[in-house]
Amino acid sequence: MKPGKTFKLSKTTKRMIGLMKGATADQRNQFKRMMIEAQVCSEIVVKSSPRDNKRPQGTTQYVTNDTGTASTQV
């Protein structure tokens, strides 16, 4: 995944990159690429399938007792 034109790296990540003591420029660039990829992946929203409102609610694995007060798992 690649970041778009409006992508902004979080302030926390920028601060961590700036405070990397003893790291070479190559190590900082590698860390920055990793953090950009992680941030882009975390912003992905998974679409779920639409729910059918006409289906019966609840699970079929539970059976109501004769009194109707409690349920037990089959």
N, C-alpha and C. Protein backbone atom coordinates (compact mmCIF):
# COMPACT_ATOMS: atom_id res chain seq x y z
N MET A 1 0.84 -1.17 0.00
CA MET A 1 0.00 0.00 0.00
C MET A 1 0.89 1.24 0.00
N LYS A 2 0.42 2.25 -0.69
CA LYS A 2 1.16 3.49 -0.74
C LYS A 2 0.29 4.61 -0.16
N PRO A 3 0.91 5.53 0.55
CA PRO A 3 0.14 6.66 1.08
C PRO A 3 -0.29 7.60 -0.03
N GLY A 4 -1.43 8.24 0.16
CA GLY A 4 -1.94 9.19 -0.83
C GLY A 4 -1.32 10.56 -0.67
N LYS A 5 -1.83 11.51 -1.43
CA LYS A 5 -1.30 12.88 -1.40
C LYS A 5 -1.57 13.56 -0.07
N THR A 6 -2.63 13.19 0.61
CA THR A 6 -3.01 13.86 1.85
C THR A 6 -2.53 13.13 3.09
N PHE A 7 -1.65 12.16 2.93
CA PHE A 7 -1.16 11.38 4.07
C PHE A 7 -0.31 12.24 4.99
N LYS A 8 -0.55 12.14 6.30
CA LYS A 8 0.27 12.84 7.29
C LYS A 8 0.72 11.84 8.33
N LEU A 9 2.01 11.79 8.56
CA LEU A 9 2.59 10.91 9.56
C LEU A 9 2.23 11.45 10.94
N SER A 10 1.90 10.56 11.86
CA SER A 10 1.48 10.99 13.19
C SER A 10 2.61 11.70 13.93
N LYS A 11 2.24 12.58 14.84
CA LYS A 11 3.22 13.35 15.59
C LYS A 11 4.08 12.43 16.46
N THR A 12 3.48 11.39 16.99
CA THR A 12 4.22 10.45 17.83
C THR A 12 5.32 9.76 17.04
N THR A 13 5.01 9.35 15.83
CA THR A 13 6.01 8.69 14.99
C THR A 13 7.12 9.66 14.61
N LYS A 14 6.75 10.89 14.27
CA LYS A 14 7.76 11.90 13.94
C LYS A 14 8.70 12.13 15.13
N ARG A 15 8.12 12.18 16.32
CA ARG A 15 8.92 12.39 17.51
C ARG A 15 9.88 11.22 17.75
N MET A 16 9.39 10.01 17.55
CA MET A 16 10.25 8.83 17.74
C MET A 16 11.41 8.83 16.75
N ILE A 17 11.14 9.20 15.51
CA ILE A 17 12.19 9.25 14.49
C ILE A 17 13.22 10.32 14.85
N GLY A 18 12.74 11.46 15.32
CA GLY A 18 13.64 12.55 15.68
C GLY A 18 14.52 12.23 16.88
N LEU A 19 14.04 11.37 17.77
CA LEU A 19 14.77 11.05 18.99
C LEU A 19 15.57 9.75 18.90
N MET A 20 15.69 9.20 17.70
CA MET A 20 16.47 7.96 17.54
C MET A 20 17.94 8.28 17.70
N LYS A 21 18.47 7.96 18.85
CA LYS A 21 19.86 8.27 19.16
C LYS A 21 20.77 7.16 18.65
N GLY A 22 21.83 7.53 17.98
CA GLY A 22 22.82 6.56 17.52
C GLY A 22 22.41 5.78 16.29
N ALA A 23 21.33 6.17 15.65
CA ALA A 23 20.88 5.47 14.46
C ALA A 23 21.41 6.18 13.21
N THR A 24 21.72 5.40 12.22
CA THR A 24 22.18 5.98 10.96
C THR A 24 20.98 6.46 10.16
N ALA A 25 21.23 7.23 9.13
CA ALA A 25 20.15 7.74 8.29
C ALA A 25 19.39 6.59 7.62
N ASP A 26 20.11 5.53 7.25
CA ASP A 26 19.48 4.38 6.63
C ASP A 26 18.52 3.70 7.60
N GLN A 27 18.91 3.58 8.86
CA GLN A 27 18.04 2.96 9.86
C GLN A 27 16.81 3.82 10.12
N ARG A 28 16.98 5.14 10.16
CA ARG A 28 15.84 6.04 10.36
C ARG A 28 14.87 5.94 9.18
N ASN A 29 15.41 5.90 7.96
CA ASN A 29 14.55 5.79 6.78
C ASN A 29 13.79 4.47 6.76
N GLN A 30 14.45 3.40 7.15
CA GLN A 30 13.79 2.09 7.19
C GLN A 30 12.67 2.10 8.23
N PHE A 31 12.94 2.67 9.40
CA PHE A 31 11.92 2.76 10.45
C PHE A 31 10.75 3.62 9.98
N LYS A 32 11.05 4.73 9.30
CA LYS A 32 9.99 5.62 8.81
C LYS A 32 9.11 4.91 7.79
N ARG A 33 9.72 4.16 6.87
CA ARG A 33 8.94 3.39 5.88
C ARG A 33 8.04 2.37 6.58
N MET A 34 8.58 1.71 7.61
CA MET A 34 7.79 0.73 8.35
C MET A 34 6.58 1.39 9.02
N MET A 35 6.80 2.54 9.64
CA MET A 35 5.73 3.22 10.35
C MET A 35 4.68 3.78 9.39
N ILE A 36 5.10 4.25 8.23
CA ILE A 36 4.14 4.73 7.22
C ILE A 36 3.26 3.58 6.75
N GLU A 37 3.87 2.44 6.47
CA GLU A 37 3.10 1.27 6.02
C GLU A 37 2.13 0.82 7.10
N ALA A 38 2.57 0.81 8.36
CA ALA A 38 1.70 0.39 9.46
C ALA A 38 0.53 1.35 9.62
N GLN A 39 0.77 2.63 9.51
CA GLN A 39 -0.30 3.61 9.66
C GLN A 39 -1.30 3.52 8.52
N VAL A 40 -0.82 3.33 7.31
CA VAL A 40 -1.72 3.21 6.16
C VAL A 40 -2.59 1.95 6.30
N CYS A 41 -1.98 0.85 6.72
CA CYS A 41 -2.73 -0.40 6.89
C CYS A 41 -3.76 -0.29 8.01
N SER A 42 -3.45 0.47 9.06
CA SER A 42 -4.38 0.58 10.19
C SER A 42 -5.59 1.45 9.84
N GLU A 43 -5.48 2.27 8.80
CA GLU A 43 -6.59 3.14 8.41
C GLU A 43 -7.57 2.46 7.46
N ILE A 44 -7.30 1.23 7.07
CA ILE A 44 -8.18 0.50 6.17
C ILE A 44 -9.42 0.05 6.94
N VAL A 45 -10.60 0.32 6.39
CA VAL A 45 -11.85 -0.08 7.01
C VAL A 45 -12.38 -1.28 6.25
N VAL A 46 -12.60 -2.38 6.96
CA VAL A 46 -13.11 -3.60 6.35
C VAL A 46 -14.62 -3.48 6.23
N LYS A 47 -15.13 -3.66 5.02
CA LYS A 47 -16.56 -3.58 4.80
C LYS A 47 -17.19 -4.93 5.10
N SER A 48 -18.26 -4.90 5.88
CA SER A 48 -18.97 -6.14 6.19
C SER A 48 -20.18 -6.25 5.27
N SER A 49 -20.66 -7.47 5.11
CA SER A 49 -21.82 -7.68 4.25
C SER A 49 -23.07 -7.13 4.95
N PRO A 50 -24.04 -6.67 4.18
CA PRO A 50 -25.25 -6.14 4.79
C PRO A 50 -26.01 -7.23 5.55
N ARG A 51 -26.58 -6.87 6.68
CA ARG A 51 -27.29 -7.84 7.50
C ARG A 51 -28.73 -7.99 7.03
N ASP A 52 -29.24 -9.19 7.14
CA ASP A 52 -30.63 -9.46 6.79
C ASP A 52 -31.48 -9.27 8.04
N ASN A 53 -32.33 -8.27 8.04
CA ASN A 53 -33.14 -7.98 9.22
C ASN A 53 -34.30 -8.96 9.41
N LYS A 54 -34.58 -9.77 8.40
CA LYS A 54 -35.71 -10.69 8.49
C LYS A 54 -35.32 -12.04 9.09
N ARG A 55 -34.02 -12.27 9.26
CA ARG A 55 -33.59 -13.56 9.80
C ARG A 55 -33.89 -13.63 11.29
N PRO A 56 -34.11 -14.82 11.83
CA PRO A 56 -34.37 -14.94 13.27
C PRO A 56 -33.14 -14.56 14.08
N GLN A 57 -33.34 -13.87 15.18
CA GLN A 57 -32.26 -13.43 16.03
C GLN A 57 -31.91 -14.53 17.04
N GLY A 58 -30.70 -14.52 17.55
CA GLY A 58 -30.28 -15.50 18.55
C GLY A 58 -29.57 -16.66 17.90
N THR A 59 -29.20 -17.62 18.71
CA THR A 59 -28.50 -18.81 18.22
C THR A 59 -29.41 -20.01 18.32
N THR A 60 -29.15 -20.98 17.50
CA THR A 60 -29.98 -22.19 17.51
C THR A 60 -29.40 -23.26 18.42
N GLN A 61 -28.26 -22.99 19.05
CA GLN A 61 -27.63 -23.99 19.91
C GLN A 61 -28.20 -23.98 21.32
N TYR A 62 -29.08 -23.03 21.64
CA TYR A 62 -29.65 -22.95 22.98
C TYR A 62 -31.11 -23.37 22.95
N VAL A 63 -31.52 -24.12 23.97
CA VAL A 63 -32.88 -24.61 24.08
C VAL A 63 -33.47 -24.07 25.37
N THR A 64 -34.71 -23.57 25.31
CA THR A 64 -35.37 -23.03 26.50
C THR A 64 -35.93 -24.19 27.32
N ASN A 65 -35.79 -24.08 28.64
CA ASN A 65 -36.35 -25.10 29.54
C ASN A 65 -37.87 -25.05 29.52
N ASP A 66 -38.50 -26.05 30.12
CA ASP A 66 -39.97 -26.09 30.17
C ASP A 66 -40.55 -24.88 30.88
N THR A 67 -39.89 -24.40 31.91
CA THR A 67 -40.40 -23.25 32.64
C THR A 67 -40.23 -21.95 31.85
N GLY A 68 -39.31 -21.94 30.91
CA GLY A 68 -39.10 -20.77 30.09
C GLY A 68 -38.23 -19.72 30.75
N THR A 69 -37.63 -20.06 31.90
CA THR A 69 -36.84 -19.06 32.62
C THR A 69 -35.35 -19.14 32.31
N ALA A 70 -34.87 -20.28 31.92
CA ALA A 70 -33.44 -20.42 31.68
C ALA A 70 -33.20 -21.17 30.38
N SER A 71 -32.01 -21.01 29.84
CA SER A 71 -31.64 -21.70 28.62
C SER A 71 -30.41 -22.57 28.89
N THR A 72 -30.32 -23.67 28.22
CA THR A 72 -29.17 -24.54 28.34
C THR A 72 -28.60 -24.80 26.97
N GLN A 73 -27.30 -24.99 26.93
CA GLN A 73 -26.66 -25.23 25.64
C GLN A 73 -26.77 -26.71 25.32
N VAL A 74 -27.10 -27.00 24.06
CA VAL A 74 -27.25 -28.38 23.61
C VAL A 74 -25.91 -28.99 23.36
